Amino acid sequence: MKRWVKWMSLSFIVLGAAGCSNEDEGSAGKSISLALWDENASEAVDGGIAAFKEKHPDVEVNVTYSPFSQYWTTLRTSIGGGAGPDLFWMNAVNFYQYAEPGLIKNLEPFLESDPDFEKSDYYESMIELYSFEDDLYGAPYFVDAIGLYYNKEIFDQAGVAYPDETWTWADIERVGEELTNPEEGIYGYLAPVVHNQSGYYNYIHQAGGEIVSEDQLRSGFHTDAAKEAFSFIERLIDKGISPGIKSQIQNDNNQLFMSNQLAMMPAISVMGVTYYEELGDKVDVAPLPSHKEEASILHGISWAMNQEVDDPDLAWELMKELTSAQGNEIIAETGFSTPAARSAADLWLDSLPGMNLQVFIDAQEFGAAYPLSRNTAEWQRMETTEIQGAFLSGEPIEDVLDRVGAEMERILSQGQDEQ
């Protein structure tokens, strides 16, 4: 079955009504509720639950999948009302909104009494993303990095060599122009404007910049590096190598790639299995081309625990099964994404024969962490509106980036004042 992003619930429990586990003696009659948004992960999640049920056969585990567009609003409403799921997926954009006000549990007390969970077993990027004031609040589940997916058939038909680790922006522009075929409706490359994680965040870092400073006070959008990154995007679009902003908004870019209309496309590791199941041996992946520096944005998902969970120790047992070495092996075997535990890397590399998944493992060594601050969601909404608006209106991107940088720093300083 193709792994399209589908949304459905495995139970008839909604987040607000799921509540937390019952307070019965022993495990009989108890239940644990889980919430996440991507059913493509169901095989891995079900495997972790099965391992937990072997040890706790009397505990009922209810899983709810919700559309990403609704997930955070529903989650925050339910948790704010003292209910919500016991365990749920957390991403970097929303992490501070849950960790700082104490809506999710600090996991350090569990780690101190449990020798089976070692932070060093997981990629450092994930430990850093989900730590608040040096304490871990999210158990790493899977990681993602950005790679350059390409259609080998389009390259072969044009007689062009495949991309490799030596490529730079100049190669993207040169080869992209060779592969662009308007008569066949083929673009040489997609320069994402509507997706920051797979698009311009990487370019800014590759140009020697950053999205937000380490002290979370300064923006990288009004720097020369950001302006160089967006000049690169504009050039690719102006030359017809990449679809423009209107096409990117109107079309599903993944669908364009799987319909053989894009020769190359940067995307997250999670998309590998979907591309492979649709395109088979025609698809492979290479490292992102470099510029002044190598860079690939690193992100990933963790499991967080509701502060109001009724049985924290039981919830921790399930969290451990989901994120343990065995749980990561299940993730690896499904090919869903890069397991967060280093030990499962080799198993994951074998999950999609013929695809160079090592690209995403290597990216963990030189990648740039997803930008993190106390109010990331707020300035990202502004950033997205302004940047897409510039490409739609034709306003000089340099002017817009200066405006984005100034407004982002206002929002960042406001976040500091609220501490």
Protein backbone atom coordinates (compact mmCIF):
# COMPACT_ATOMS: atom_id res chain seq x y z
CA MET A 1 0.00 0.00 0.00
CA LYS A 2 1.37 3.45 -0.88
CA ARG A 3 2.30 5.55 2.10
CA TRP A 4 0.26 8.62 1.27
CA VAL A 5 -0.26 10.99 4.16
CA LYS A 6 -3.66 9.84 5.39
CA TRP A 7 -5.53 10.94 8.43
CA MET A 8 -7.74 8.71 10.48
CA SER A 9 -8.23 7.67 14.07
CA LEU A 10 -7.49 4.17 15.27
CA SER A 11 -10.00 4.77 18.05
CA PHE A 12 -13.12 6.84 18.51
CA ILE A 13 -11.45 8.94 21.19
CA VAL A 14 -10.80 12.61 20.51
CA LEU A 15 -7.96 14.42 22.24
CA GLY A 16 -10.18 16.42 24.55
CA ALA A 17 -12.04 13.37 25.78
CA ALA A 18 -9.13 10.94 25.90
CA GLY A 19 -8.10 12.12 29.34
CA CYS A 20 -5.28 10.53 31.27
CA SER A 21 -4.88 7.02 32.60
CA ASN A 22 -7.18 5.54 35.22
CA GLU A 23 -5.95 5.32 38.81
CA ASP A 24 -6.53 1.65 39.59
CA GLU A 25 -4.29 -0.61 41.62
CA GLY A 26 -1.92 -2.59 39.39
CA SER A 27 -2.39 -2.33 35.65
CA ALA A 28 -5.82 -3.93 35.30
CA GLY A 29 -8.36 -1.46 33.99
CA LYS A 30 -5.80 1.20 33.21
CA SER A 31 -5.45 2.93 29.89
CA ILE A 32 -2.93 5.17 28.15
CA SER A 33 -3.80 7.52 25.33
CA LEU A 34 -1.44 8.54 22.53
CA ALA A 35 -1.78 11.32 19.96
CA LEU A 36 0.15 12.02 16.76
CA TRP A 37 -0.54 13.26 13.25
CA ASP A 38 1.04 10.96 10.69
CA GLU A 39 -0.51 7.57 10.06
CA ASN A 40 2.53 6.64 7.99
CA ALA A 41 4.18 6.00 11.35
CA SER A 42 1.43 3.59 12.45
CA GLU A 43 3.45 0.44 11.80
CA ALA A 44 6.29 1.65 14.02
CA VAL A 45 3.91 2.93 16.70
CA ASP A 46 1.93 -0.31 16.71
CA GLY A 47 5.16 -2.28 17.11
CA GLY A 48 6.16 -0.30 20.18
CA ILE A 49 2.69 -0.73 21.67
CA ALA A 50 2.83 -4.49 21.05
CA ALA A 51 6.14 -4.73 22.96
CA PHE A 52 4.58 -2.76 25.84
CA LYS A 53 1.48 -4.97 25.86
CA GLU A 54 3.61 -8.08 26.30
CA LYS A 55 4.65 -6.70 29.69
CA HIS A 56 1.34 -4.98 30.50
CA PRO A 57 -1.40 -7.07 28.85
CA ASP A 58 -4.19 -5.50 30.96
CA VAL A 59 -3.43 -1.91 29.94
CA GLU A 60 -5.53 -0.48 27.12
CA VAL A 61 -3.64 1.77 24.71
CA ASN A 62 -5.70 4.18 22.59
CA VAL A 63 -4.11 5.94 19.62
CA THR A 64 -5.53 9.01 17.89
CA TYR A 65 -4.28 10.36 14.57
CA SER A 66 -5.33 13.92 13.74
CA PRO A 67 -4.68 16.18 10.73
CA PHE A 68 -1.60 18.31 11.35
CA SER A 69 -3.69 21.39 10.59
CA GLN A 70 -5.87 20.62 13.63
CA TYR A 71 -3.44 18.77 15.87
CA TRP A 72 -1.86 21.66 17.80
CA THR A 73 -5.04 23.63 18.38
CA THR A 74 -6.89 20.57 19.66
CA LEU A 75 -3.92 19.46 21.77
CA ARG A 76 -3.41 22.82 23.44
CA THR A 77 -7.13 23.21 24.15
CA SER A 78 -7.42 19.77 25.70
CA ILE A 79 -4.26 20.05 27.79
CA GLY A 80 -5.20 23.57 28.88
CA GLY A 81 -8.44 22.10 30.16
CA GLY A 82 -6.63 19.53 32.28
CA ALA A 83 -7.23 16.61 29.93
CA GLY A 84 -5.52 15.60 26.70
CA PRO A 85 -3.51 12.53 25.73
CA ASP A 86 -0.95 10.97 28.07
CA LEU A 87 1.79 10.80 25.44
CA PHE A 88 1.94 12.82 22.25
CA TRP A 89 4.22 13.87 19.42
CA MET A 90 6.18 17.08 19.86
CA ASN A 91 8.03 19.15 17.25
CA ALA A 92 10.61 21.89 17.67
CA VAL A 93 8.34 24.74 16.59
CA ASN A 94 5.97 24.16 19.51
CA PHE A 95 8.38 22.74 22.09
CA TYR A 96 8.91 25.87 24.20
CA GLN A 97 5.16 26.50 24.37
CA TYR A 98 4.79 23.21 26.27
CA ALA A 99 8.08 22.90 28.16
CA GLU A 100 8.38 26.43 29.57
CA PRO A 101 4.90 26.65 31.19
CA GLY A 102 5.21 23.11 32.55
CA LEU A 103 2.57 21.46 30.38
CA ILE A 104 4.83 18.46 29.78
CA LYS A 105 6.91 16.48 32.22
CA ASN A 106 10.61 16.86 32.77
CA LEU A 107 11.99 13.42 31.90
CA GLU A 108 15.18 13.71 33.96
CA PRO A 109 13.69 12.04 37.09
CA PHE A 110 12.79 9.00 34.98
CA LEU A 111 16.27 8.90 33.42
CA GLU A 112 17.97 9.10 36.81
CA SER A 113 16.21 5.97 38.03
CA ASP A 114 16.26 4.08 34.72
CA PRO A 115 19.64 2.81 33.45
CA ASP A 116 18.02 1.54 30.23
CA PHE A 117 17.69 5.06 28.78
CA GLU A 118 20.94 6.85 27.93
CA LYS A 119 20.98 10.22 26.18
CA SER A 120 24.23 9.29 24.46
CA ASP A 121 22.41 6.54 22.54
CA TYR A 122 20.57 9.19 20.50
CA TYR A 123 21.71 11.76 17.97
CA GLU A 124 22.92 14.89 19.70
CA SER A 125 20.68 17.10 17.55
CA MET A 126 17.59 15.50 19.08
CA ILE A 127 18.80 15.81 22.65
CA GLU A 128 19.51 19.50 22.08
CA LEU A 129 16.19 20.17 20.34
CA TYR A 130 14.12 18.71 23.15
CA SER A 131 16.04 19.96 26.17
CA PHE A 132 14.86 22.96 28.18
CA GLU A 133 17.29 24.51 30.67
CA ASP A 134 19.52 21.44 30.13
CA ASP A 135 16.80 18.94 31.08
CA LEU A 136 15.24 16.56 28.57
CA TYR A 137 11.49 17.02 28.03
CA GLY A 138 11.01 14.94 24.87
CA ALA A 139 12.12 11.35 24.24
CA PRO A 140 13.68 11.23 20.72
CA TYR A 141 11.68 9.14 18.25
CA PHE A 142 12.99 9.79 14.75
CA VAL A 143 15.16 12.39 13.09
CA ASP A 144 15.01 14.00 9.70
CA ALA A 145 17.51 15.85 7.57
CA ILE A 146 17.27 17.31 4.08
CA GLY A 147 18.69 15.57 1.02
CA LEU A 148 18.65 16.16 -2.73
CA TYR A 149 16.25 13.63 -4.28
CA TYR A 150 16.62 13.13 -8.01
CA ASN A 151 14.96 11.24 -10.84
CA LYS A 152 17.59 9.02 -12.45
CA GLU A 153 15.48 8.43 -15.54
CA ILE A 154 15.43 12.16 -16.37
CA PHE A 155 19.20 12.35 -15.87
CA ASP A 156 19.76 9.26 -18.04
CA GLN A 157 17.59 10.56 -20.87
CA ALA A 158 19.56 13.82 -20.87
CA GLY A 159 22.91 12.02 -20.62
CA VAL A 160 23.82 13.93 -17.46
CA ALA A 161 25.81 12.53 -14.52
CA TYR A 162 23.99 12.12 -11.22
CA PRO A 163 24.60 14.61 -8.37
CA ASP A 164 27.17 13.71 -5.72
CA GLU A 165 28.89 15.12 -2.65
CA THR A 166 31.04 17.49 -4.75
CA TRP A 167 28.10 19.51 -6.05
CA THR A 168 27.65 23.21 -5.28
CA TRP A 169 24.98 25.78 -6.05
CA ALA A 170 26.71 26.36 -9.38
CA ASP A 171 26.11 22.72 -10.33
CA ILE A 172 22.43 23.00 -9.46
CA GLU A 173 22.12 26.01 -11.74
CA ARG A 174 24.18 24.53 -14.57
CA VAL A 175 22.71 21.01 -14.55
CA GLY A 176 19.24 22.23 -13.69
CA GLU A 177 19.25 24.31 -16.85
CA GLU A 178 20.33 21.29 -18.90
CA LEU A 179 17.55 19.14 -17.48
CA THR A 180 14.78 21.71 -17.84
CA ASN A 181 12.50 20.77 -20.75
CA PRO A 182 9.46 23.07 -21.12
CA GLU A 183 8.05 20.99 -23.97
CA GLU A 184 7.90 17.93 -21.71
CA GLY A 185 6.84 19.96 -18.68
CA ILE A 186 10.04 19.11 -16.80
CA TYR A 187 11.78 21.47 -14.41
CA GLY A 188 15.42 20.84 -13.60
CA TYR A 189 15.06 21.67 -9.93
CA LEU A 190 12.59 22.82 -7.30
CA ALA A 191 13.77 25.84 -5.27
CA PRO A 192 11.26 25.73 -2.41
CA VAL A 193 9.72 29.03 -1.36
CA VAL A 194 6.67 27.57 0.38
CA HIS A 195 8.72 25.16 2.53
CA ASN A 196 11.35 26.72 4.75
CA GLN A 197 12.73 23.53 6.36
CA SER A 198 13.51 21.84 3.04
CA GLY A 199 14.22 25.09 1.21
CA TYR A 200 15.66 28.44 2.12
CA TYR A 201 16.68 27.60 5.71
CA ASN A 202 19.31 25.32 4.17
CA TYR A 203 20.45 27.95 1.65
CA ILE A 204 20.91 30.58 4.38
CA HIS A 205 23.15 28.23 6.37
CA GLN A 206 25.01 27.18 3.22
CA ALA A 207 25.72 30.86 2.57
CA GLY A 208 27.32 31.10 6.00
CA GLY A 209 24.32 32.52 7.89
CA GLU A 210 21.82 31.37 10.45
CA ILE A 211 18.10 31.71 11.03
CA VAL A 212 18.23 32.80 14.66
CA SER A 213 21.21 33.52 16.90
CA GLU A 214 22.16 31.20 19.74
CA ASP A 215 21.00 33.74 22.32
CA GLN A 216 17.62 33.93 20.52
CA LEU A 217 17.83 37.71 20.14
CA ARG A 218 18.97 38.27 16.57
CA SER A 219 17.48 37.29 13.23
CA GLY A 220 19.49 36.02 10.30
CA PHE A 221 17.02 37.22 7.68
CA HIS A 222 18.45 40.71 7.20
CA THR A 223 22.02 39.47 6.70
CA ASP A 224 24.05 39.23 3.52
CA ALA A 225 23.87 35.42 3.75
CA ALA A 226 20.06 35.44 3.61
CA LYS A 227 20.04 37.89 0.72
CA GLU A 228 22.52 35.70 -1.16
CA ALA A 229 20.32 32.64 -0.52
CA PHE A 230 17.19 34.31 -1.87
CA SER A 231 19.07 35.74 -4.83
CA PHE A 232 19.93 32.14 -5.72
CA ILE A 233 16.25 31.14 -5.50
CA GLU A 234 15.16 34.11 -7.62
CA ARG A 235 17.73 33.26 -10.28
CA LEU A 236 16.54 29.66 -10.56
CA ILE A 237 12.91 30.76 -10.87
CA ASP A 238 13.67 33.57 -13.34
CA LYS A 239 15.57 31.12 -15.57
CA GLY A 240 12.65 28.70 -15.54
CA ILE A 241 14.77 26.03 -13.86
CA SER A 242 12.39 25.95 -10.88
CA PRO A 243 8.61 26.36 -10.72
CA GLY A 244 7.62 29.82 -9.50
CA ILE A 245 5.73 30.74 -6.37
CA LYS A 246 2.24 30.44 -7.89
CA SER A 247 2.96 26.93 -9.14
CA GLN A 248 4.42 25.95 -5.77
CA ILE A 249 1.32 27.19 -3.97
CA GLN A 250 -1.16 25.65 -6.41
CA ASN A 251 0.55 22.26 -6.80
CA ASP A 252 1.70 19.59 -4.39
CA ASN A 253 5.46 19.66 -4.94
CA ASN A 254 5.79 16.02 -3.89
CA GLN A 255 3.22 15.13 -6.53
CA LEU A 256 5.20 17.06 -9.16
CA PHE A 257 8.28 15.03 -8.29
CA MET A 258 6.45 11.71 -8.32
CA SER A 259 4.85 12.65 -11.66
CA ASN A 260 8.28 12.96 -13.28
CA GLN A 261 8.00 16.74 -13.63
CA LEU A 262 10.99 17.57 -11.41
CA ALA A 263 14.49 16.28 -12.05
CA MET A 264 15.71 17.30 -8.57
CA MET A 265 14.02 18.31 -5.35
CA PRO A 266 15.29 18.91 -1.78
CA ALA A 267 13.10 17.15 0.78
CA ILE A 268 13.17 15.55 4.21
CA SER A 269 14.19 11.97 4.85
CA VAL A 270 10.61 11.03 5.78
CA MET A 271 9.66 11.37 2.11
CA GLY A 272 12.11 8.69 0.99
CA VAL A 273 9.74 5.76 1.45
CA THR A 274 6.90 7.57 -0.34
CA TYR A 275 9.10 8.47 -3.31
CA TYR A 276 10.54 4.96 -3.47
CA GLU A 277 7.15 3.25 -3.43
CA GLU A 278 5.96 5.51 -6.26
CA LEU A 279 9.10 5.75 -8.43
CA GLY A 280 11.04 2.60 -7.47
CA ASP A 281 14.57 2.43 -8.84
CA LYS A 282 14.12 5.74 -10.68
CA VAL A 283 14.68 7.72 -7.49
CA ASP A 284 17.82 8.24 -5.42
CA VAL A 285 19.16 10.87 -3.06
CA ALA A 286 22.42 12.82 -2.81
CA PRO A 287 23.79 15.31 -0.27
CA LEU A 288 22.54 18.86 -0.56
CA PRO A 289 24.91 20.92 -2.73
CA SER A 290 27.15 23.22 -0.73
CA HIS A 291 28.03 26.87 -1.21
CA LYS A 292 30.28 28.53 1.33
CA GLU A 293 29.46 25.75 3.77
CA GLU A 294 27.82 22.33 3.90
CA ALA A 295 24.47 22.42 5.67
CA SER A 296 21.28 20.41 6.04
CA ILE A 297 18.54 21.39 8.47
CA LEU A 298 18.13 18.80 11.23
CA HIS A 299 14.81 18.21 12.91
CA GLY A 300 12.90 15.28 14.31
CA ILE A 301 9.96 14.24 16.46
CA SER A 302 9.94 13.31 20.12
CA TRP A 303 7.34 11.87 22.48
CA ALA A 304 6.24 14.20 25.28
CA MET A 305 4.36 13.28 28.46
CA ASN A 306 1.33 15.21 29.70
CA GLN A 307 2.09 16.90 33.03
CA GLU A 308 -1.31 15.72 34.29
CA VAL A 309 -0.87 12.04 33.42
CA ASP A 310 -2.38 9.86 36.15
CA ASP A 311 0.27 7.13 36.11
CA PRO A 312 3.61 8.66 35.07
CA ASP A 313 5.59 5.48 35.66
CA LEU A 314 3.30 3.43 33.41
CA ALA A 315 3.37 6.13 30.73
CA TRP A 316 7.18 6.16 30.95
CA GLU A 317 7.22 2.41 30.35
CA LEU A 318 5.29 2.90 27.10
CA MET A 319 7.43 5.88 26.11
CA LYS A 320 10.52 3.71 26.60
CA GLU A 321 9.15 0.94 24.40
CA LEU A 322 8.39 3.42 21.63
CA THR A 323 11.84 5.03 21.76
CA SER A 324 14.00 2.08 22.87
CA ALA A 325 16.54 0.28 20.70
CA GLN A 326 13.81 -2.21 19.77
CA GLY A 327 11.37 0.58 18.98
CA ASN A 328 13.96 2.26 16.78
CA GLU A 329 14.60 -1.01 14.99
CA ILE A 330 10.90 -1.12 14.10
CA ILE A 331 11.14 2.43 12.71
CA ALA A 332 14.22 1.38 10.74
CA GLU A 333 12.61 -1.70 9.22
CA THR A 334 9.55 0.23 8.04
CA GLY A 335 11.80 2.76 6.30
CA PHE A 336 9.61 5.56 7.70
CA SER A 337 12.49 7.84 8.70
CA THR A 338 15.92 7.90 10.28
CA PRO A 339 15.69 6.33 13.74
CA ALA A 340 16.74 8.65 16.55
CA ALA A 341 18.86 5.91 18.15
CA ARG A 342 22.27 5.56 16.53
CA SER A 343 22.17 1.76 16.96
CA ALA A 344 19.40 1.35 14.36
CA ALA A 345 21.13 3.29 11.59
CA ASP A 346 22.49 0.29 9.67
CA LEU A 347 19.13 -1.45 9.74
CA TRP A 348 17.46 1.66 8.33
CA LEU A 349 20.04 1.91 5.53
CA ASP A 350 18.86 -1.48 4.27
CA SER A 351 15.16 -0.59 4.34
CA LEU A 352 15.05 1.05 0.88
CA PRO A 353 17.34 -0.95 -1.45
CA GLY A 354 19.23 1.16 -3.93
CA MET A 355 18.59 4.50 -2.20
CA ASN A 356 21.59 6.24 -0.67
CA LEU A 357 20.10 6.82 2.77
CA GLN A 358 23.60 7.28 4.19
CA VAL A 359 23.17 10.89 3.07
CA PHE A 360 20.84 11.52 6.03
CA ILE A 361 23.08 9.77 8.55
CA ASP A 362 26.08 11.80 7.40
CA ALA A 363 24.06 15.01 7.68
CA GLN A 364 23.85 14.49 11.44
CA GLU A 365 27.55 15.31 11.63
CA PHE A 366 27.51 18.68 9.86
CA GLY A 367 23.85 19.66 9.80
CA ALA A 368 22.32 22.80 11.27
CA ALA A 369 19.69 22.47 13.98
CA TYR A 370 16.16 23.58 13.21
CA PRO A 371 15.77 27.16 14.53
CA LEU A 372 14.51 27.14 18.08
CA SER A 373 13.19 29.97 20.26
CA ARG A 374 10.43 30.65 22.75
CA ASN A 375 8.08 31.99 20.09
CA THR A 376 9.16 30.32 16.87
CA ALA A 377 5.59 29.75 15.67
CA GLU A 378 4.79 33.46 15.87
CA TRP A 379 7.72 34.76 13.86
CA GLN A 380 7.48 31.90 11.39
CA ARG A 381 3.91 32.88 10.53
CA MET A 382 5.13 36.40 9.82
CA GLU A 383 8.19 35.14 7.92
CA THR A 384 6.11 32.89 5.66
CA THR A 385 3.54 35.59 4.89
CA GLU A 386 6.15 38.21 4.06
CA ILE A 387 8.44 36.03 1.95
CA GLN A 388 5.70 34.40 -0.09
CA GLY A 389 4.11 37.82 -0.51
CA ALA A 390 7.34 39.20 -1.91
CA PHE A 391 7.57 36.49 -4.55
CA LEU A 392 3.91 37.01 -5.47
CA SER A 393 4.07 40.80 -5.65
CA GLY A 394 7.55 41.26 -7.06
CA GLU A 395 8.61 43.52 -4.19
CA PRO A 396 12.44 43.54 -3.91
CA ILE A 397 13.36 40.59 -1.71
CA GLU A 398 16.13 42.57 0.00
CA ASP A 399 13.56 45.05 1.33
CA VAL A 400 11.31 42.27 2.55
CA LEU A 401 14.17 40.44 4.27
CA ASP A 402 15.11 43.62 6.12
CA ARG A 403 11.50 43.95 7.27
CA VAL A 404 11.31 40.27 8.27
CA GLY A 405 14.55 40.57 10.25
CA ALA A 406 13.40 43.63 12.15
CA GLU A 407 9.97 42.20 12.97
CA MET A 408 11.45 38.85 13.96
CA GLU A 409 13.81 40.57 16.41
CA ARG A 410 10.87 42.48 17.90
CA ILE A 411 9.05 39.18 18.45
CA LEU A 412 12.19 37.55 19.88
CA SER A 413 12.75 40.40 22.34
CA GLN A 414 9.09 40.21 23.38
CA GLY A 415 9.60 36.53 24.12
CA GLN A 416 12.59 37.34 26.32
CA ASP A 417 10.57 39.98 28.21
CA GLU A 418 7.88 37.41 28.97
CA GLN A 419 10.29 35.06 30.76
